[in-house]
Amino acid sequence: MSDTKAEQYYYIFDSRTHRPLVLDRATGEHYASGSDPRRPLIDHVAAQREAGVLRQFARWCAQQVDPNGVSAHTAAGRLWAAAQRDAPEAWQRVRHETADAAMLAMSLGLPQREPRAARLLTLQACTHPEAQQAARDAAHMSERWAEFSAPSASTEEAQAMRARHVNWLLDQVSTP
């Protein structure tokens, strides 16, 4: 089974961290790098560059899911507004206030392949206090958004999104 398909994963909402935990269906293990080149690349960028670069990557992932198309008064709109600022206190507050919406998106929206659910979880990922985790989660969820938004050939759309992620990260490695 391709790891670029949502069916490869179980999603469990962690109420302590207000984020979905991604488990591999085949192994039952927490989603590890497997054939996904982004995780080691994100770790490499983290070792070579300041954390702000990974925060930029998480925001770039969010921009790929059309965050400007959401109302500012929705959970997604509030998450996007918070993610655009460098204010960890605001991130924590909005993560707490939108936890129910994130849990519903993860438990109901993702299984139904709802692009809005993947968008909300991508935006929510940007507000994670650890830049590496924000980058990993935003990349994974924006890939789900690409998969769910595709009218057909969803695997190809997910793979194309993953390729754009890798290219963005490689550009950061090659830039002094």
Protein backbone atom coordinates (compact mmCIF):
# COMPACT_ATOMS: atom_id res chain seq x y z
CA MET A 1 0.00 0.00 0.00
CA SER A 2 1.34 3.40 -0.95
CA ASP A 3 2.23 5.64 1.98
CA THR A 4 0.79 8.61 0.10
CA LYS A 5 -2.78 7.46 0.78
CA ALA A 6 -4.82 8.27 3.88
CA GLU A 7 -5.88 4.62 4.13
CA GLN A 8 -2.31 3.79 5.20
CA TYR A 9 -2.84 5.52 8.57
CA TYR A 10 -4.90 5.54 11.73
CA TYR A 11 -5.41 8.99 13.23
CA ILE A 12 -5.84 9.33 16.99
CA PHE A 13 -6.33 12.75 18.58
CA ASP A 14 -3.94 13.40 21.48
CA SER A 15 -5.85 15.73 23.80
CA ARG A 16 -2.69 16.59 25.76
CA THR A 17 -0.83 18.00 22.77
CA HIS A 18 -3.94 18.91 20.74
CA ARG A 19 -2.66 17.15 17.65
CA PRO A 20 -3.41 13.99 15.71
CA LEU A 21 -1.08 11.09 16.24
CA VAL A 22 -0.47 9.22 13.03
CA LEU A 23 -0.14 5.44 13.27
CA ASP A 24 0.84 3.12 10.44
CA ARG A 25 -1.97 0.62 9.82
CA ALA A 26 0.43 -2.11 8.73
CA THR A 27 2.66 -2.01 11.81
CA GLY A 28 0.58 -0.22 14.44
CA GLU A 29 3.65 1.90 15.14
CA HIS A 30 3.73 5.67 15.36
CA TYR A 31 4.26 6.89 11.80
CA ALA A 32 7.98 6.81 11.16
CA SER A 33 9.92 7.94 8.14
CA GLY A 34 9.43 4.74 6.15
CA SER A 35 9.59 5.65 2.48
CA ASP A 36 8.74 9.28 3.21
CA PRO A 37 11.86 11.36 2.48
CA ARG A 38 10.55 14.40 4.32
CA ARG A 39 11.22 13.33 7.90
CA PRO A 40 15.00 12.86 7.55
CA LEU A 41 15.12 15.95 5.36
CA ILE A 42 13.24 17.99 7.98
CA ASP A 43 15.64 16.67 10.62
CA HIS A 44 18.60 17.62 8.43
CA VAL A 45 17.26 21.13 7.86
CA ALA A 46 16.72 21.42 11.64
CA ALA A 47 20.35 20.49 12.26
CA GLN A 48 21.69 22.87 9.59
CA ARG A 49 19.41 25.90 9.91
CA GLU A 50 17.59 27.82 12.64
CA ALA A 51 14.14 26.68 13.76
CA GLY A 52 12.56 29.63 11.96
CA VAL A 53 13.19 27.91 8.63
CA LEU A 54 11.07 24.92 9.68
CA ARG A 55 8.39 27.30 10.93
CA GLN A 56 8.47 28.94 7.48
CA PHE A 57 8.09 25.49 5.90
CA ALA A 58 5.05 24.71 8.06
CA ARG A 59 3.48 28.03 7.02
CA TRP A 60 4.34 27.35 3.38
CA CYS A 61 2.57 23.97 3.68
CA ALA A 62 -0.43 25.82 5.07
CA GLN A 63 -0.40 28.25 2.17
CA GLN A 64 -0.72 25.28 -0.19
CA VAL A 65 -4.15 24.40 1.30
CA ASP A 66 -5.73 27.78 0.48
CA PRO A 67 -6.01 29.24 4.01
CA ASN A 68 -7.22 32.57 2.69
CA GLY A 69 -10.42 30.87 1.56
CA VAL A 70 -11.63 30.42 5.14
CA SER A 71 -13.56 32.88 7.28
CA ALA A 72 -11.51 34.56 10.00
CA HIS A 73 -14.18 33.60 12.55
CA THR A 74 -13.88 29.85 11.99
CA ALA A 75 -11.45 27.55 13.78
CA ALA A 76 -9.39 27.33 10.58
CA GLY A 77 -9.35 31.11 10.21
CA ARG A 78 -8.29 31.62 13.80
CA LEU A 79 -5.53 29.01 13.48
CA TRP A 80 -4.23 30.61 10.30
CA ALA A 81 -4.21 34.08 11.90
CA ALA A 82 -2.25 32.71 14.87
CA ALA A 83 0.15 30.70 12.70
CA GLN A 84 1.20 33.81 10.79
CA ARG A 85 2.52 35.43 13.96
CA ASP A 86 5.56 34.47 16.00
CA ALA A 87 3.63 34.33 19.26
CA PRO A 88 3.86 30.97 21.08
CA GLU A 89 1.39 32.15 23.73
CA ALA A 90 -1.21 32.86 21.04
CA TRP A 91 -0.49 29.48 19.43
CA GLN A 92 -1.12 27.70 22.72
CA ARG A 93 -4.31 29.63 23.35
CA VAL A 94 -5.79 29.06 19.88
CA ARG A 95 -4.75 25.37 19.91
CA HIS A 96 -6.65 24.95 23.17
CA GLU A 97 -9.68 26.91 21.94
CA THR A 98 -9.89 24.98 18.66
CA ALA A 99 -9.07 21.52 20.04
CA ASP A 100 -12.65 20.30 19.65
CA ALA A 101 -12.74 21.36 16.00
CA ALA A 102 -9.39 19.65 15.38
CA MET A 103 -10.59 16.48 17.09
CA LEU A 104 -13.76 16.44 14.96
CA ALA A 105 -11.78 17.10 11.79
CA MET A 106 -9.43 14.26 12.63
CA SER A 107 -12.04 11.72 13.77
CA LEU A 108 -14.88 12.52 11.34
CA GLY A 109 -13.44 14.56 8.48
CA LEU A 110 -10.31 12.59 7.64
CA PRO A 111 -12.09 9.21 7.39
CA GLN A 112 -14.61 10.85 5.03
CA ARG A 113 -11.76 12.35 2.98
CA GLU A 114 -12.89 15.92 3.65
CA PRO A 115 -10.45 18.51 2.28
CA ARG A 116 -11.68 21.01 4.91
CA ALA A 117 -10.63 18.62 7.68
CA ALA A 118 -7.15 18.23 6.22
CA ARG A 119 -6.94 22.02 5.78
CA LEU A 120 -7.88 22.67 9.41
CA LEU A 121 -5.32 20.11 10.62
CA THR A 122 -2.63 21.61 8.39
CA LEU A 123 -3.33 25.05 9.83
CA GLN A 124 -3.41 23.64 13.33
CA ALA A 125 -0.03 21.97 12.76
CA CYS A 126 1.57 25.36 12.15
CA THR A 127 0.86 26.37 15.74
CA HIS A 128 2.70 23.43 17.33
CA PRO A 129 5.32 24.87 19.73
CA GLU A 130 8.13 22.68 18.31
CA ALA A 131 9.11 23.79 14.82
CA GLN A 132 10.17 20.28 13.70
CA GLN A 133 6.86 18.78 14.76
CA ALA A 134 4.98 21.66 13.15
CA ALA A 135 6.84 20.99 9.89
CA ARG A 136 6.22 17.23 9.97
CA ASP A 137 2.52 17.55 10.79
CA ALA A 138 1.89 20.38 8.32
CA ALA A 139 3.57 18.40 5.54
CA HIS A 140 1.57 15.25 6.30
CA MET A 141 -1.76 17.03 6.54
CA SER A 142 -1.21 19.20 3.46
CA GLU A 143 -0.50 15.99 1.58
CA ARG A 144 -3.86 14.66 2.80
CA TRP A 145 -5.48 17.89 1.60
CA ALA A 146 -3.98 17.40 -1.87
CA GLU A 147 -5.19 13.80 -1.89
CA PHE A 148 -8.73 14.68 -0.80
CA SER A 149 -9.02 17.73 -3.07
CA ALA A 150 -8.13 15.84 -6.22
CA PRO A 151 -11.11 15.10 -8.46
CA SER A 152 -9.36 11.89 -9.51
CA ALA A 153 -5.86 10.41 -9.36
CA SER A 154 -5.52 11.33 -5.69
CA THR A 155 -2.30 9.35 -5.28
CA GLU A 156 -0.65 11.44 -7.98
CA GLU A 157 -1.79 14.68 -6.31
CA ALA A 158 -0.45 13.50 -2.95
CA GLN A 159 2.86 12.52 -4.55
CA ALA A 160 3.07 15.88 -6.32
CA MET A 161 2.51 17.69 -3.01
CA ARG A 162 5.20 15.55 -1.39
CA ALA A 163 7.59 16.40 -4.24
CA ARG A 164 6.91 20.13 -3.69
CA HIS A 165 7.69 19.66 0.02
CA VAL A 166 10.97 17.92 -0.77
CA ASN A 167 11.94 20.60 -3.29
CA TRP A 168 11.22 23.38 -0.76
CA LEU A 169 13.32 21.64 1.88
CA LEU A 170 16.17 20.91 -0.55
CA ASP A 171 16.22 24.58 -1.51
CA GLN A 172 16.79 25.40 2.16
CA VAL A 173 19.65 22.90 2.43
CA SER A 174 21.37 24.34 -0.63
CA THR A 175 20.91 27.97 0.50
CA PRO A 176 23.65 29.27 2.85
